C-alpha atoms as a PDB file:
ATOM      1  CA  MET A   1      31.507 -26.189   0.734  1.00  0.00           C
ATOM      2  CA  GLN A   2      30.450 -22.650   0.300  1.00  0.00           C
ATOM      3  CA  ALA A   3      26.494 -21.681   1.480  1.00  0.00           C
ATOM      4  CA  VAL A   4      24.174 -21.474  -0.935  1.00  0.00           C
ATOM      5  CA  PRO A   5      21.420 -17.915  -0.486  1.00  0.00           C
ATOM      6  CA  SER A   6      17.809 -18.504   0.114  1.00  0.00           C
ATOM      7  CA  LEU A   7      15.830 -17.952  -2.761  1.00  0.00           C
ATOM      8  CA  LEU A   8      14.046 -15.107  -0.827  1.00  0.00           C
ATOM      9  CA  MET A   9      17.327 -13.060  -0.586  1.00  0.00           C
ATOM     10  CA  ALA A  10      18.754 -13.533  -3.802  1.00  0.00           C
ATOM     11  CA  GLY A  11      18.543 -10.439  -5.964  1.00  0.00           C
ATOM     12  CA  ARG A  12      17.317  -8.357  -3.701  1.00  0.00           C
ATOM     13  CA  LYS A  13      18.820  -5.008  -2.856  1.00  0.00           C
ATOM     14  CA  VAL A  14      17.199  -3.427  -0.210  1.00  0.00           C
ATOM     15  CA  VAL A  15      16.960   0.543  -0.817  1.00  0.00           C
ATOM     16  CA  ALA A  16      14.985   1.576   2.858  1.00  0.00           C
ATOM     17  CA  SER A  17      14.363  -0.640   6.289  1.00  0.00           C
ATOM     18  CA  ASN A  18      11.912   0.559   8.999  1.00  0.00           C
ATOM     19  CA  ARG A  19      14.163  -1.021  12.159  1.00  0.00           C
ATOM     20  CA  GLN A  20      11.295   0.853  14.257  1.00  0.00           C
ATOM     21  CA  ALA A  21       8.260  -1.726  12.815  1.00  0.00           C
ATOM     22  CA  ARG A  22       9.963  -4.700  14.733  1.00  0.00           C
ATOM     23  CA  PHE A  23      10.665  -2.776  17.718  1.00  0.00           C
ATOM     24  CA  ASN A  24       7.034  -1.827  18.323  1.00  0.00           C
ATOM     25  CA  TYR A  25       5.061  -4.023  16.880  1.00  0.00           C
ATOM     26  CA  GLU A  26       5.306  -7.867  17.000  1.00  0.00           C
ATOM     27  CA  ILE A  27       5.169  -9.056  13.417  1.00  0.00           C
ATOM     28  CA  LEU A  28       2.840 -12.348  12.640  1.00  0.00           C
ATOM     29  CA  ASP A  29       3.108 -12.451   9.209  1.00  0.00           C
ATOM     30  CA  THR A  30       4.650 -10.816   6.431  1.00  0.00           C
ATOM     31  CA  PHE A  31       3.846 -10.524   2.641  1.00  0.00           C
ATOM     32  CA  GLU A  32       5.560  -9.225  -0.284  1.00  0.00           C
ATOM     33  CA  ALA A  33       4.045  -5.748  -2.608  1.00  0.00           C
ATOM     34  CA  GLY A  34       4.948  -4.237  -5.905  1.00  0.00           C
ATOM     35  CA  MET A  35       4.353  -0.426  -5.923  1.00  0.00           C
ATOM     36  CA  VAL A  36       2.827   1.706  -8.241  1.00  0.00           C
ATOM     37  CA  LEU A  37       5.662   4.566  -8.963  1.00  0.00           C
ATOM     38  CA  LEU A  38       6.748   7.438 -10.946  1.00  0.00           C
ATOM     39  CA  GLY A  39       9.726   7.440 -13.033  1.00  0.00           C
ATOM     40  CA  SER A  40      11.403  10.167 -10.757  1.00  0.00           C
ATOM     41  CA  GLU A  41      10.482   7.694  -7.572  1.00  0.00           C
ATOM     42  CA  VAL A  42      12.066   4.743  -9.338  1.00  0.00           C
ATOM     43  CA  LYS A  43      15.225   6.781  -9.851  1.00  0.00           C
ATOM     44  CA  SER A  44      15.265   8.015  -6.039  1.00  0.00           C
ATOM     45  CA  LEU A  45      14.839   4.425  -4.710  1.00  0.00           C
ATOM     46  CA  ARG A  46      17.477   2.972  -6.855  1.00  0.00           C
ATOM     47  CA  ALA A  47      19.733   6.695  -5.229  1.00  0.00           C
ATOM     48  CA  GLY A  48      18.574   5.335  -1.772  1.00  0.00           C
ATOM     49  CA  LEU A  49      16.605   8.313  -0.727  1.00  0.00           C
ATOM     50  CA  ALA A  50      13.442   7.073   0.810  1.00  0.00           C
ATOM     51  CA  GLN A  51      12.315   6.520   4.496  1.00  0.00           C
ATOM     52  CA  LEU A  52       9.987   4.458   6.340  1.00  0.00           C
ATOM     53  CA  LYS A  53       9.472   5.853   9.426  1.00  0.00           C
ATOM     54  CA  ASP A  54       6.346   6.234  10.608  1.00  0.00           C
ATOM     55  CA  SER A  55       4.769   5.014   7.537  1.00  0.00           C
ATOM     56  CA  TYR A  56       1.944   2.045   7.092  1.00  0.00           C
ATOM     57  CA  ALA A  57      -0.395   1.008   4.881  1.00  0.00           C
ATOM     58  CA  ASP A  58      -4.218   1.194   4.527  1.00  0.00           C
ATOM     59  CA  ILE A  59      -6.970  -0.820   2.825  1.00  0.00           C
ATOM     60  CA  ARG A  60      -9.535   1.402   0.821  1.00  0.00           C
ATOM     61  CA  ASN A  61     -11.795   0.346  -1.707  1.00  0.00           C
ATOM     62  CA  GLY A  62     -10.296  -2.931  -1.846  1.00  0.00           C
ATOM     63  CA  GLU A  63      -7.053  -1.635  -2.447  1.00  0.00           C
ATOM     64  CA  VAL A  64      -3.942  -0.967  -0.410  1.00  0.00           C
ATOM     65  CA  TRP A  65      -2.564   2.092  -0.040  1.00  0.00           C
ATOM     66  CA  LEU A  66       0.999   3.244   1.232  1.00  0.00           C
ATOM     67  CA  GLU A  67       0.641   6.078   3.131  1.00  0.00           C
ATOM     68  CA  SER A  68       3.219   8.518   4.884  1.00  0.00           C
ATOM     69  CA  ALA A  69       6.372   6.743   2.911  1.00  0.00           C
ATOM     70  CA  HIS A  70       9.045   9.228   2.278  1.00  0.00           C
ATOM     71  CA  ILE A  71      10.671   9.267  -1.367  1.00  0.00           C
ATOM     72  CA  SER A  72      12.828  12.033  -1.741  1.00  0.00           C
ATOM     73  CA  PRO A  73      12.161  14.185  -5.071  1.00  0.00           C
ATOM     74  CA  TYR A  74      14.592  13.219  -8.105  1.00  0.00           C
ATOM     75  CA  LYS A  75      17.408  16.052  -8.344  1.00  0.00           C
ATOM     76  CA  PHE A  76      17.283  15.826 -11.909  1.00  0.00           C
ATOM     77  CA  ALA A  77      13.839  15.204 -13.219  1.00  0.00           C
ATOM     78  CA  GLU A  78      11.272  17.679 -15.298  1.00  0.00           C
ATOM     79  CA  ASN A  79       9.253  20.542 -13.363  1.00  0.00           C
ATOM     80  CA  GLY A  80      10.596  18.854  -9.699  1.00  0.00           C
ATOM     81  CA  GLY A  81       9.209  15.549 -10.030  1.00  0.00           C
ATOM     82  CA  HIS A  82       6.621  14.253  -7.511  1.00  0.00           C
ATOM     83  CA  GLU A  83       5.230  14.813  -4.059  1.00  0.00           C
ATOM     84  CA  PRO A  84       7.732  13.037  -1.246  1.00  0.00           C
ATOM     85  CA  GLU A  85       5.067  12.229   0.882  1.00  0.00           C
ATOM     86  CA  ARG A  86       1.700  11.225  -1.395  1.00  0.00           C
ATOM     87  CA  PRO A  87      -0.110   7.587  -0.667  1.00  0.00           C
ATOM     88  CA  ARG A  88       1.251   5.393  -3.508  1.00  0.00           C
ATOM     89  CA  LYS A  89      -1.001   2.319  -4.142  1.00  0.00           C
ATOM     90  CA  LEU A  90       0.158  -1.299  -3.553  1.00  0.00           C
ATOM     91  CA  LEU A  91       0.043  -3.953  -5.915  1.00  0.00           C
ATOM     92  CA  LEU A  92      -1.681  -7.396  -4.121  1.00  0.00           C
ATOM     93  CA  HIS A  93      -3.836 -10.034  -5.033  1.00  0.00           C
ATOM     94  CA  ARG A  94      -7.438  -9.844  -4.145  1.00  0.00           C
ATOM     95  CA  ARG A  95      -7.412 -13.363  -2.169  1.00  0.00           C
ATOM     96  CA  GLU A  96      -4.479 -11.706  -0.301  1.00  0.00           C
ATOM     97  CA  ILE A  97      -6.130  -8.319   0.136  1.00  0.00           C
ATOM     98  CA  ASP A  98      -9.737 -10.223   1.555  1.00  0.00           C
ATOM     99  CA  ARG A  99      -7.653 -12.118   3.984  1.00  0.00           C
ATOM    100  CA  LEU A 100      -5.475  -8.951   5.472  1.00  0.00           C
ATOM    101  CA  PHE A 101      -8.394  -7.391   5.535  1.00  0.00           C
ATOM    102  CA  GLY A 102     -10.278  -9.775   7.516  1.00  0.00           C
ATOM    103  CA  ARG A 103      -7.631 -10.178   9.785  1.00  0.00           C
ATOM    104  CA  ILE A 104      -6.794  -6.188  10.391  1.00  0.00           C
ATOM    105  CA  ARG A 105     -10.446  -5.448  11.250  1.00  0.00           C
ATOM    106  CA  GLU A 106     -10.868  -8.940  13.778  1.00  0.00           C
ATOM    107  CA  GLU A 107      -7.873  -9.352  15.426  1.00  0.00           C
ATOM    108  CA  GLY A 108      -7.170  -5.636  15.477  1.00  0.00           C
ATOM    109  CA  LEU A 109      -3.803  -5.749  13.863  1.00  0.00           C
ATOM    110  CA  THR A 110      -1.761  -3.494  11.654  1.00  0.00           C
ATOM    111  CA  LEU A 111      -0.055  -3.220   8.153  1.00  0.00           C
ATOM    112  CA  VAL A 112       3.430  -1.897   8.695  1.00  0.00           C
ATOM    113  CA  PRO A 113       6.285  -1.701   6.044  1.00  0.00           C
ATOM    114  CA  THR A 114       9.308  -3.072   6.943  1.00  0.00           C
ATOM    115  CA  GLN A 115      11.655  -2.955   3.879  1.00  0.00           C
ATOM    116  CA  ILE A 116      11.504  -1.696   0.140  1.00  0.00           C
ATOM    117  CA  TYR A 117      14.054  -3.244  -2.508  1.00  0.00           C
ATOM    118  CA  PHE A 118      14.244  -3.938  -5.690  1.00  0.00           C
ATOM    119  CA  VAL A 119      14.058  -8.004  -7.370  1.00  0.00           C
ATOM    120  CA  GLU A 120      14.741  -7.987 -10.733  1.00  0.00           C
ATOM    121  CA  GLY A 121      14.387  -4.464 -11.314  1.00  0.00           C
ATOM    122  CA  LYS A 122      11.146  -3.905  -9.718  1.00  0.00           C
ATOM    123  CA  ALA A 123      10.610  -1.870  -6.860  1.00  0.00           C
ATOM    124  CA  LYS A 124       8.581  -4.040  -4.310  1.00  0.00           C
ATOM    125  CA  ILE A 125       7.855  -3.313  -0.495  1.00  0.00           C
ATOM    126  CA  GLU A 126       7.407  -5.871   2.717  1.00  0.00           C
ATOM    127  CA  LEU A 127       4.444  -5.575   4.596  1.00  0.00           C
ATOM    128  CA  GLY A 128       4.378  -6.858   8.102  1.00  0.00           C
ATOM    129  CA  LEU A 129       1.254  -7.730  10.096  1.00  0.00           C
ATOM    130  CA  GLY A 130       1.830  -6.857  13.136  1.00  0.00           C
ATOM    131  CA  LYS A 131       0.463  -5.988  16.913  1.00  0.00           C
ATOM    132  CA  GLY A 132       1.302  -3.407  18.518  1.00  0.00           C
ATOM    133  CA  LYS A 133       3.853  -4.449  22.168  1.00  0.00           C
ATOM    134  CA  ARG A 134       3.307  -2.217  24.647  1.00  0.00           C
ATOM    135  CA  SER A 135       5.744  -0.626  26.471  1.00  0.00           C
ATOM    136  CA  HIS A 136       6.850  -3.436  28.995  1.00  0.00           C
ATOM    137  CA  ASP A 137       7.667  -5.792  25.870  1.00  0.00           C
ATOM    138  CA  LYS A 138       9.739  -2.883  24.602  1.00  0.00           C
ATOM    139  CA  ARG A 139      11.802  -2.861  27.751  1.00  0.00           C
ATOM    140  CA  GLN A 140      11.765  -6.588  27.618  1.00  0.00           C
ATOM    141  CA  SER A 141      13.039  -5.892  23.791  1.00  0.00           C
ATOM    142  CA  ILE A 142      15.621  -3.905  24.601  1.00  0.00           C
ATOM    143  CA  ILE A 143      16.820  -5.609  27.715  1.00  0.00           C
ATOM    144  CA  ASP A 144      16.888  -9.225  25.121  1.00  0.00           C
ATOM    145  CA  ARG A 145      18.552  -7.024  22.664  1.00  0.00           C
ATOM    146  CA  GLN A 146      21.500  -6.206  25.830  1.00  0.00           C
ATOM    147  CA  GLN A 147      22.046  -9.722  26.698  1.00  0.00           C
ATOM    148  CA  LYS A 148      22.833 -10.430  23.136  1.00  0.00           C
ATOM    149  CA  ARG A 149      25.537  -7.996  22.664  1.00  0.00           C
ATOM    150  CA  GLU A 150      26.881  -9.058  26.290  1.00  0.00           C
ATOM    151  CA  MET A 151      26.627 -12.407  25.140  1.00  0.00           C
ATOM    152  CA  ALA A 152      28.566 -12.089  21.951  1.00  0.00           C
ATOM    153  CA  ARG A 153      30.867  -9.876  23.697  1.00  0.00           C
ATOM    154  CA  ALA A 154      32.138 -12.133  25.863  1.00  0.00           C
ATOM    155  CA  GLN A 155      32.762 -15.132  23.451  1.00  0.00           C
ATOM    156  CA  SER A 156      34.775 -12.540  21.178  1.00  0.00           C
ATOM    157  CA  HIS A 157      36.585 -12.164  24.283  1.00  0.00           C
ATOM    158  CA  ARG A 158      37.410 -16.406  24.945  1.00  0.00           C
ATOM    159  CA  ARG A 159      38.281 -16.483  21.117  1.00  0.00           C
END
């Protein structure tokens, strides 16, 4: 019998992921948003030329903006293409934006991009609503990861 892929992962081609986000933040909830992009940015994303390190999302004037995400200029674009780290507007429903704004303001949470991917040809971004980890939480994450690695190594030797 063959395993059926989940509906969320079917047809999803991940372009860039922010591995530091899960290390620096405890992700409480995730949201999928569309992105307003230029043509050269889409071409660069398809080539995998994106980086989410040190990027974040911000809510200004009732709109969500992606800041500090680096999408390299497309080599074959006319007039040099686009600015690599320009702010990019994210597309969410009004209700979702209002709910996010309330949680960020009341609970002191941060909106962190975790992945950029394509679904049915459209570029999407996964945003995580996260609470910053303290240094002792980060140390505990490292210890847990090492223990999992050692357990997997011990199990592979038993086979």
